[in-house]
Structure formats: C-alpha cells, structure tokens
Amino acid sequence: MDDFSQRKLLSAACHGAIFFSSTIVSIGIPIAILVVSDDPVVKENAKESINFHINLYIYGIIFALLILVAIGIPLLILLAIASFLLPIIAIVRVATDPQKPYRYPFILRLL
C-alpha cells in the first residue's frame, strides 16, 4: 500500500473509531494510530479525533447534569446528532483531501 492510501485509511480510521464503540475503547484506536504512525497528517487527524472524543465525554456529562433543569434533554439530542454527523463529515473530508488534516468545529483542543 502506498503512503497516500495508508494516510487516507489511517486518518479515516481515527475519525471513524467512534462508530466502533461509544465507550472509552473508541478513543484507543486514535491513540494507537498516534503512537504508531510517523505521518504528520495522520498524527494531526489522530489528535483531532482524540480531542473530539474527549469533548463528547465532557459535553455528555455536563448535558446529563443539565437534565435536572430540563435543558439537558434537547442538548443531549443535539450532541447525539453531532456525534454521528461530524465524524462522517470528517471521514469524507480526509478521504477527498488526505493532504490536509480535518478540524472539528466547536471543540476545545486539549492536545
């Protein structure tokens, strides 16, 4: 497999890891790819995916607590939609333009 195809595959795997499991296991795939890969674009995609996963966990906890004041339910629904659609957009973007890492909107970049 050439470097171009490998970059597309590993970058898509980072962003698509959320579909494998909704638990902490899904964050292990981008971490493993971050450690193993030497490609700077793949590393950036892995970091972005890890940041996205961490943000989802943080927002999920906050929105779950906000259920007590009734605003949490619509926020959790929006979070569920975003956690499904944004990785699909990311996969499409890294597949069509593998030279550029994908950046998720509206997340805190912790790494």
N, C-alpha and C. Protein backbone atom coordinates (compact mmCIF):
# COMPACT_ATOMS: atom_id res chain seq x y z
N MET A 1 0.86 -1.17 0.00
CA MET A 1 0.00 0.00 0.00
C MET A 1 0.90 1.24 0.00
N ASP A 2 0.57 2.21 -0.83
CA ASP A 2 1.39 3.41 -0.88
C ASP A 2 1.04 4.34 0.28
N ASP A 3 1.90 5.34 0.48
CA ASP A 3 1.73 6.26 1.60
C ASP A 3 0.43 7.05 1.52
N PHE A 4 0.01 7.37 0.29
CA PHE A 4 -1.21 8.14 0.09
C PHE A 4 -2.43 7.34 0.55
N SER A 5 -2.51 6.08 0.18
CA SER A 5 -3.62 5.22 0.57
C SER A 5 -3.59 4.95 2.08
N GLN A 6 -2.39 4.75 2.60
CA GLN A 6 -2.26 4.50 4.04
C GLN A 6 -2.69 5.73 4.83
N ARG A 7 -2.33 6.91 4.36
CA ARG A 7 -2.74 8.15 5.04
C ARG A 7 -4.25 8.26 5.08
N LYS A 8 -4.91 7.98 3.94
CA LYS A 8 -6.38 8.05 3.88
C LYS A 8 -7.00 7.04 4.83
N LEU A 9 -6.48 5.81 4.82
CA LEU A 9 -7.04 4.75 5.66
C LEU A 9 -6.87 5.05 7.14
N LEU A 10 -5.68 5.42 7.56
CA LEU A 10 -5.43 5.68 8.98
C LEU A 10 -6.18 6.92 9.46
N SER A 11 -6.24 7.96 8.64
CA SER A 11 -6.97 9.17 9.01
C SER A 11 -8.46 8.88 9.14
N ALA A 12 -9.01 8.12 8.21
CA ALA A 12 -10.43 7.75 8.28
C ALA A 12 -10.69 6.85 9.48
N ALA A 13 -9.76 5.95 9.81
CA ALA A 13 -9.93 5.08 10.97
C ALA A 13 -9.94 5.89 12.27
N CYS A 14 -9.14 6.94 12.33
CA CYS A 14 -9.13 7.80 13.53
C CYS A 14 -10.51 8.43 13.75
N HIS A 15 -11.04 9.00 12.68
CA HIS A 15 -12.32 9.69 12.81
C HIS A 15 -13.50 8.72 12.90
N GLY A 16 -13.38 7.56 12.30
CA GLY A 16 -14.46 6.58 12.33
C GLY A 16 -14.46 5.69 13.56
N ALA A 17 -13.47 5.84 14.42
CA ALA A 17 -13.37 4.99 15.61
C ALA A 17 -14.59 5.11 16.52
N ILE A 18 -15.24 6.25 16.49
CA ILE A 18 -16.41 6.46 17.34
C ILE A 18 -17.55 5.51 16.98
N PHE A 19 -17.56 5.01 15.77
CA PHE A 19 -18.62 4.09 15.35
C PHE A 19 -18.37 2.66 15.80
N PHE A 20 -17.15 2.35 16.24
CA PHE A 20 -16.84 1.02 16.74
C PHE A 20 -17.42 0.78 18.12
N SER A 21 -17.42 1.82 18.93
CA SER A 21 -17.89 1.69 20.31
C SER A 21 -18.12 3.09 20.87
N SER A 22 -19.08 3.23 21.73
CA SER A 22 -19.31 4.54 22.34
C SER A 22 -18.61 4.64 23.69
N THR A 23 -17.87 3.62 24.05
CA THR A 23 -17.16 3.63 25.32
C THR A 23 -15.75 4.16 25.13
N ILE A 24 -14.97 4.06 26.15
CA ILE A 24 -13.59 4.54 26.12
C ILE A 24 -12.74 3.75 25.13
N VAL A 25 -13.22 2.59 24.70
CA VAL A 25 -12.49 1.78 23.73
C VAL A 25 -12.30 2.54 22.42
N SER A 26 -13.28 3.33 22.04
CA SER A 26 -13.21 4.05 20.76
C SER A 26 -12.09 5.09 20.74
N ILE A 27 -11.66 5.54 21.88
CA ILE A 27 -10.56 6.51 21.92
C ILE A 27 -9.21 5.81 21.80
N GLY A 28 -9.18 4.50 22.03
CA GLY A 28 -7.94 3.74 21.94
C GLY A 28 -7.40 3.63 20.52
N ILE A 29 -8.28 3.59 19.54
CA ILE A 29 -7.85 3.47 18.14
C ILE A 29 -7.05 4.70 17.71
N PRO A 30 -7.57 5.93 17.91
CA PRO A 30 -6.75 7.09 17.52
C PRO A 30 -5.46 7.21 18.35
N ILE A 31 -5.50 6.79 19.61
CA ILE A 31 -4.28 6.84 20.43
C ILE A 31 -3.24 5.88 19.86
N ALA A 32 -3.67 4.68 19.51
CA ALA A 32 -2.73 3.69 18.93
C ALA A 32 -2.16 4.20 17.61
N ILE A 33 -3.01 4.80 16.77
CA ILE A 33 -2.54 5.32 15.49
C ILE A 33 -1.58 6.49 15.72
N LEU A 34 -1.86 7.33 16.71
CA LEU A 34 -0.98 8.45 17.03
C LEU A 34 0.41 7.95 17.43
N VAL A 35 0.46 6.88 18.20
CA VAL A 35 1.73 6.34 18.68
C VAL A 35 2.49 5.63 17.55
N VAL A 36 1.78 4.91 16.71
CA VAL A 36 2.42 4.06 15.70
C VAL A 36 2.83 4.83 14.44
N SER A 37 2.03 5.79 14.02
CA SER A 37 2.25 6.45 12.73
C SER A 37 3.38 7.48 12.79
N ASP A 38 4.08 7.60 11.66
CA ASP A 38 5.12 8.62 11.51
C ASP A 38 4.64 9.78 10.64
N ASP A 39 3.48 9.62 10.02
CA ASP A 39 2.95 10.62 9.09
C ASP A 39 2.39 11.82 9.89
N PRO A 40 2.85 13.04 9.63
CA PRO A 40 2.37 14.20 10.39
C PRO A 40 0.89 14.50 10.19
N VAL A 41 0.35 14.25 9.01
CA VAL A 41 -1.08 14.49 8.76
C VAL A 41 -1.92 13.47 9.54
N VAL A 42 -1.50 12.22 9.55
CA VAL A 42 -2.22 11.18 10.30
C VAL A 42 -2.16 11.50 11.79
N LYS A 43 -1.01 11.96 12.28
CA LYS A 43 -0.89 12.32 13.69
C LYS A 43 -1.83 13.47 14.05
N GLU A 44 -1.95 14.47 13.17
CA GLU A 44 -2.86 15.58 13.42
C GLU A 44 -4.31 15.11 13.43
N ASN A 45 -4.67 14.22 12.50
CA ASN A 45 -6.02 13.66 12.49
C ASN A 45 -6.29 12.85 13.75
N ALA A 46 -5.31 12.10 14.22
CA ALA A 46 -5.47 11.31 15.45
C ALA A 46 -5.67 12.23 16.65
N LYS A 47 -4.88 13.29 16.75
CA LYS A 47 -5.04 14.24 17.85
C LYS A 47 -6.41 14.90 17.82
N GLU A 48 -6.85 15.28 16.63
CA GLU A 48 -8.15 15.92 16.49
C GLU A 48 -9.27 14.96 16.88
N SER A 49 -9.14 13.70 16.50
CA SER A 49 -10.14 12.70 16.86
C SER A 49 -10.17 12.48 18.38
N ILE A 50 -9.00 12.41 18.99
CA ILE A 50 -8.94 12.25 20.45
C ILE A 50 -9.59 13.45 21.14
N ASN A 51 -9.28 14.64 20.67
CA ASN A 51 -9.91 15.84 21.23
C ASN A 51 -11.43 15.79 21.07
N PHE A 52 -11.90 15.35 19.93
CA PHE A 52 -13.35 15.24 19.69
C PHE A 52 -13.99 14.26 20.67
N HIS A 53 -13.36 13.09 20.86
CA HIS A 53 -13.88 12.10 21.80
C HIS A 53 -13.94 12.68 23.22
N ILE A 54 -12.86 13.31 23.65
CA ILE A 54 -12.83 13.88 25.00
C ILE A 54 -13.91 14.94 25.15
N ASN A 55 -14.07 15.79 24.14
CA ASN A 55 -15.12 16.81 24.18
C ASN A 55 -16.50 16.19 24.28
N LEU A 56 -16.74 15.11 23.54
CA LEU A 56 -18.05 14.45 23.62
C LEU A 56 -18.32 13.94 25.03
N TYR A 57 -17.31 13.34 25.66
CA TYR A 57 -17.48 12.85 27.03
C TYR A 57 -17.77 14.00 28.00
N ILE A 58 -17.04 15.09 27.87
CA ILE A 58 -17.25 16.24 28.75
C ILE A 58 -18.63 16.84 28.54
N TYR A 59 -19.00 17.09 27.28
CA TYR A 59 -20.31 17.65 26.99
C TYR A 59 -21.43 16.72 27.44
N GLY A 60 -21.23 15.42 27.27
CA GLY A 60 -22.24 14.45 27.69
C GLY A 60 -22.49 14.51 29.19
N ILE A 61 -21.44 14.61 29.96
CA ILE A 61 -21.57 14.70 31.42
C ILE A 61 -22.28 16.01 31.81
N ILE A 62 -21.85 17.11 31.21
CA ILE A 62 -22.47 18.40 31.53
C ILE A 62 -23.94 18.41 31.14
N PHE A 63 -24.25 17.94 29.94
CA PHE A 63 -25.64 17.94 29.48
C PHE A 63 -26.50 16.99 30.29
N ALA A 64 -25.93 15.88 30.74
CA ALA A 64 -26.67 14.95 31.60
C ALA A 64 -27.03 15.62 32.93
N LEU A 65 -26.11 16.39 33.46
CA LEU A 65 -26.41 17.13 34.70
C LEU A 65 -27.47 18.21 34.46
N LEU A 66 -27.49 18.76 33.27
CA LEU A 66 -28.48 19.80 32.95
C LEU A 66 -29.89 19.24 32.75
N ILE A 67 -30.03 17.93 32.76
CA ILE A 67 -31.37 17.34 32.69
C ILE A 67 -32.20 17.79 33.89
N LEU A 68 -31.52 18.04 35.00
CA LEU A 68 -32.21 18.49 36.21
C LEU A 68 -32.93 19.81 36.00
N VAL A 69 -32.46 20.64 35.10
CA VAL A 69 -33.13 21.91 34.81
C VAL A 69 -33.83 21.90 33.46
N ALA A 70 -34.05 20.70 32.91
CA ALA A 70 -34.86 20.44 31.71
C ALA A 70 -34.22 20.86 30.39
N ILE A 71 -33.11 21.54 30.41
CA ILE A 71 -32.48 21.91 29.14
C ILE A 71 -31.53 20.81 28.65
N GLY A 72 -31.21 19.87 29.51
CA GLY A 72 -30.26 18.82 29.16
C GLY A 72 -30.75 17.86 28.09
N ILE A 73 -32.02 17.57 28.06
CA ILE A 73 -32.55 16.61 27.09
C ILE A 73 -32.36 17.09 25.65
N PRO A 74 -32.78 18.32 25.30
CA PRO A 74 -32.53 18.76 23.92
C PRO A 74 -31.03 18.87 23.60
N LEU A 75 -30.24 19.26 24.58
CA LEU A 75 -28.80 19.35 24.35
C LEU A 75 -28.18 17.97 24.11
N LEU A 76 -28.65 16.96 24.83
CA LEU A 76 -28.16 15.59 24.61
C LEU A 76 -28.57 15.08 23.24
N ILE A 77 -29.76 15.45 22.79
CA ILE A 77 -30.21 15.05 21.46
C ILE A 77 -29.32 15.70 20.39
N LEU A 78 -29.03 16.99 20.56
CA LEU A 78 -28.13 17.67 19.62
C LEU A 78 -26.73 17.07 19.66
N LEU A 79 -26.26 16.70 20.84
CA LEU A 79 -24.95 16.08 20.97
C LEU A 79 -24.91 14.72 20.27
N ALA A 80 -25.99 13.96 20.39
CA ALA A 80 -26.06 12.66 19.71
C ALA A 80 -26.02 12.83 18.19
N ILE A 81 -26.73 13.81 17.70
CA ILE A 81 -26.73 14.08 16.26
C ILE A 81 -25.33 14.51 15.80
N ALA A 82 -24.72 15.42 16.56
CA ALA A 82 -23.37 15.90 16.22
C ALA A 82 -22.35 14.77 16.28
N SER A 83 -22.49 13.88 17.26
CA SER A 83 -21.52 12.79 17.40
C SER A 83 -21.66 11.76 16.28
N PHE A 84 -22.76 11.79 15.58
CA PHE A 84 -22.97 10.91 14.43
C PHE A 84 -22.55 11.60 13.13
N LEU A 85 -22.96 12.84 12.94
CA LEU A 85 -22.72 13.53 11.67
C LEU A 85 -21.29 14.05 11.50
N LEU A 86 -20.72 14.61 12.54
CA LEU A 86 -19.38 15.21 12.41
C LEU A 86 -18.30 14.21 12.05
N PRO A 87 -18.27 13.00 12.62
CA PRO A 87 -17.27 12.03 12.16
C PRO A 87 -17.47 11.60 10.70
N ILE A 88 -18.71 11.54 10.25
CA ILE A 88 -18.96 11.20 8.84
C ILE A 88 -18.40 12.29 7.94
N ILE A 89 -18.63 13.54 8.31
CA ILE A 89 -18.07 14.66 7.55
C ILE A 89 -16.55 14.59 7.55
N ALA A 90 -15.97 14.28 8.71
CA ALA A 90 -14.51 14.18 8.82
C ALA A 90 -13.96 13.07 7.92
N ILE A 91 -14.61 11.92 7.91
CA ILE A 91 -14.16 10.81 7.07
C ILE A 91 -14.21 11.19 5.60
N VAL A 92 -15.28 11.83 5.19
CA VAL A 92 -15.40 12.26 3.79
C VAL A 92 -14.31 13.27 3.44
N ARG A 93 -14.06 14.21 4.35
CA ARG A 93 -13.05 15.23 4.08
C ARG A 93 -11.64 14.64 3.98
N VAL A 94 -11.28 13.72 4.89
CA VAL A 94 -9.93 13.15 4.83
C VAL A 94 -9.79 12.19 3.65
N ALA A 95 -10.90 11.64 3.19
CA ALA A 95 -10.85 10.77 2.02
C ALA A 95 -10.71 11.58 0.72
N THR A 96 -11.31 12.76 0.69
CA THR A 96 -11.24 13.57 -0.52
C THR A 96 -10.00 14.46 -0.56
N ASP A 97 -9.51 14.87 0.59
CA ASP A 97 -8.30 15.71 0.65
C ASP A 97 -7.38 15.19 1.75
N PRO A 98 -6.67 14.10 1.48
CA PRO A 98 -5.84 13.48 2.52
C PRO A 98 -4.57 14.26 2.86
N GLN A 99 -4.27 15.33 2.14
CA GLN A 99 -3.07 16.12 2.43
C GLN A 99 -3.28 17.08 3.58
N LYS A 100 -4.53 17.30 3.97
CA LYS A 100 -4.86 18.30 4.97
C LYS A 100 -5.63 17.63 6.13
N PRO A 101 -5.18 17.83 7.37
CA PRO A 101 -5.92 17.25 8.49
C PRO A 101 -7.27 17.94 8.68
N TYR A 102 -8.25 17.18 9.15
CA TYR A 102 -9.59 17.73 9.39
C TYR A 102 -9.64 18.36 10.77
N ARG A 103 -10.32 19.48 10.90
CA ARG A 103 -10.51 20.15 12.18
C ARG A 103 -12.00 20.19 12.50
N TYR A 104 -12.38 19.63 13.64
CA TYR A 104 -13.78 19.66 14.06
C TYR A 104 -14.14 21.07 14.53
N PRO A 105 -15.35 21.52 14.21
CA PRO A 105 -15.78 22.84 14.72
C PRO A 105 -16.25 22.73 16.16
N PHE A 106 -16.14 23.80 16.88
CA PHE A 106 -16.72 23.96 18.22
C PHE A 106 -16.16 22.98 19.27
N ILE A 107 -14.90 22.62 19.18
CA ILE A 107 -14.34 21.77 20.23
C ILE A 107 -13.14 22.46 20.86
N LEU A 108 -12.87 22.06 22.09
CA LEU A 108 -11.68 22.53 22.79
C LEU A 108 -10.54 21.60 22.40
N ARG A 109 -9.45 22.16 21.99
CA ARG A 109 -8.29 21.35 21.61
C ARG A 109 -7.38 21.20 22.82
N LEU A 110 -7.45 20.04 23.45
CA LEU A 110 -6.70 19.77 24.66
C LEU A 110 -5.33 19.19 24.39
N LEU A 111 -5.15 18.57 23.22
CA LEU A 111 -3.85 18.01 22.84
C LEU A 111 -3.18 18.88 21.80
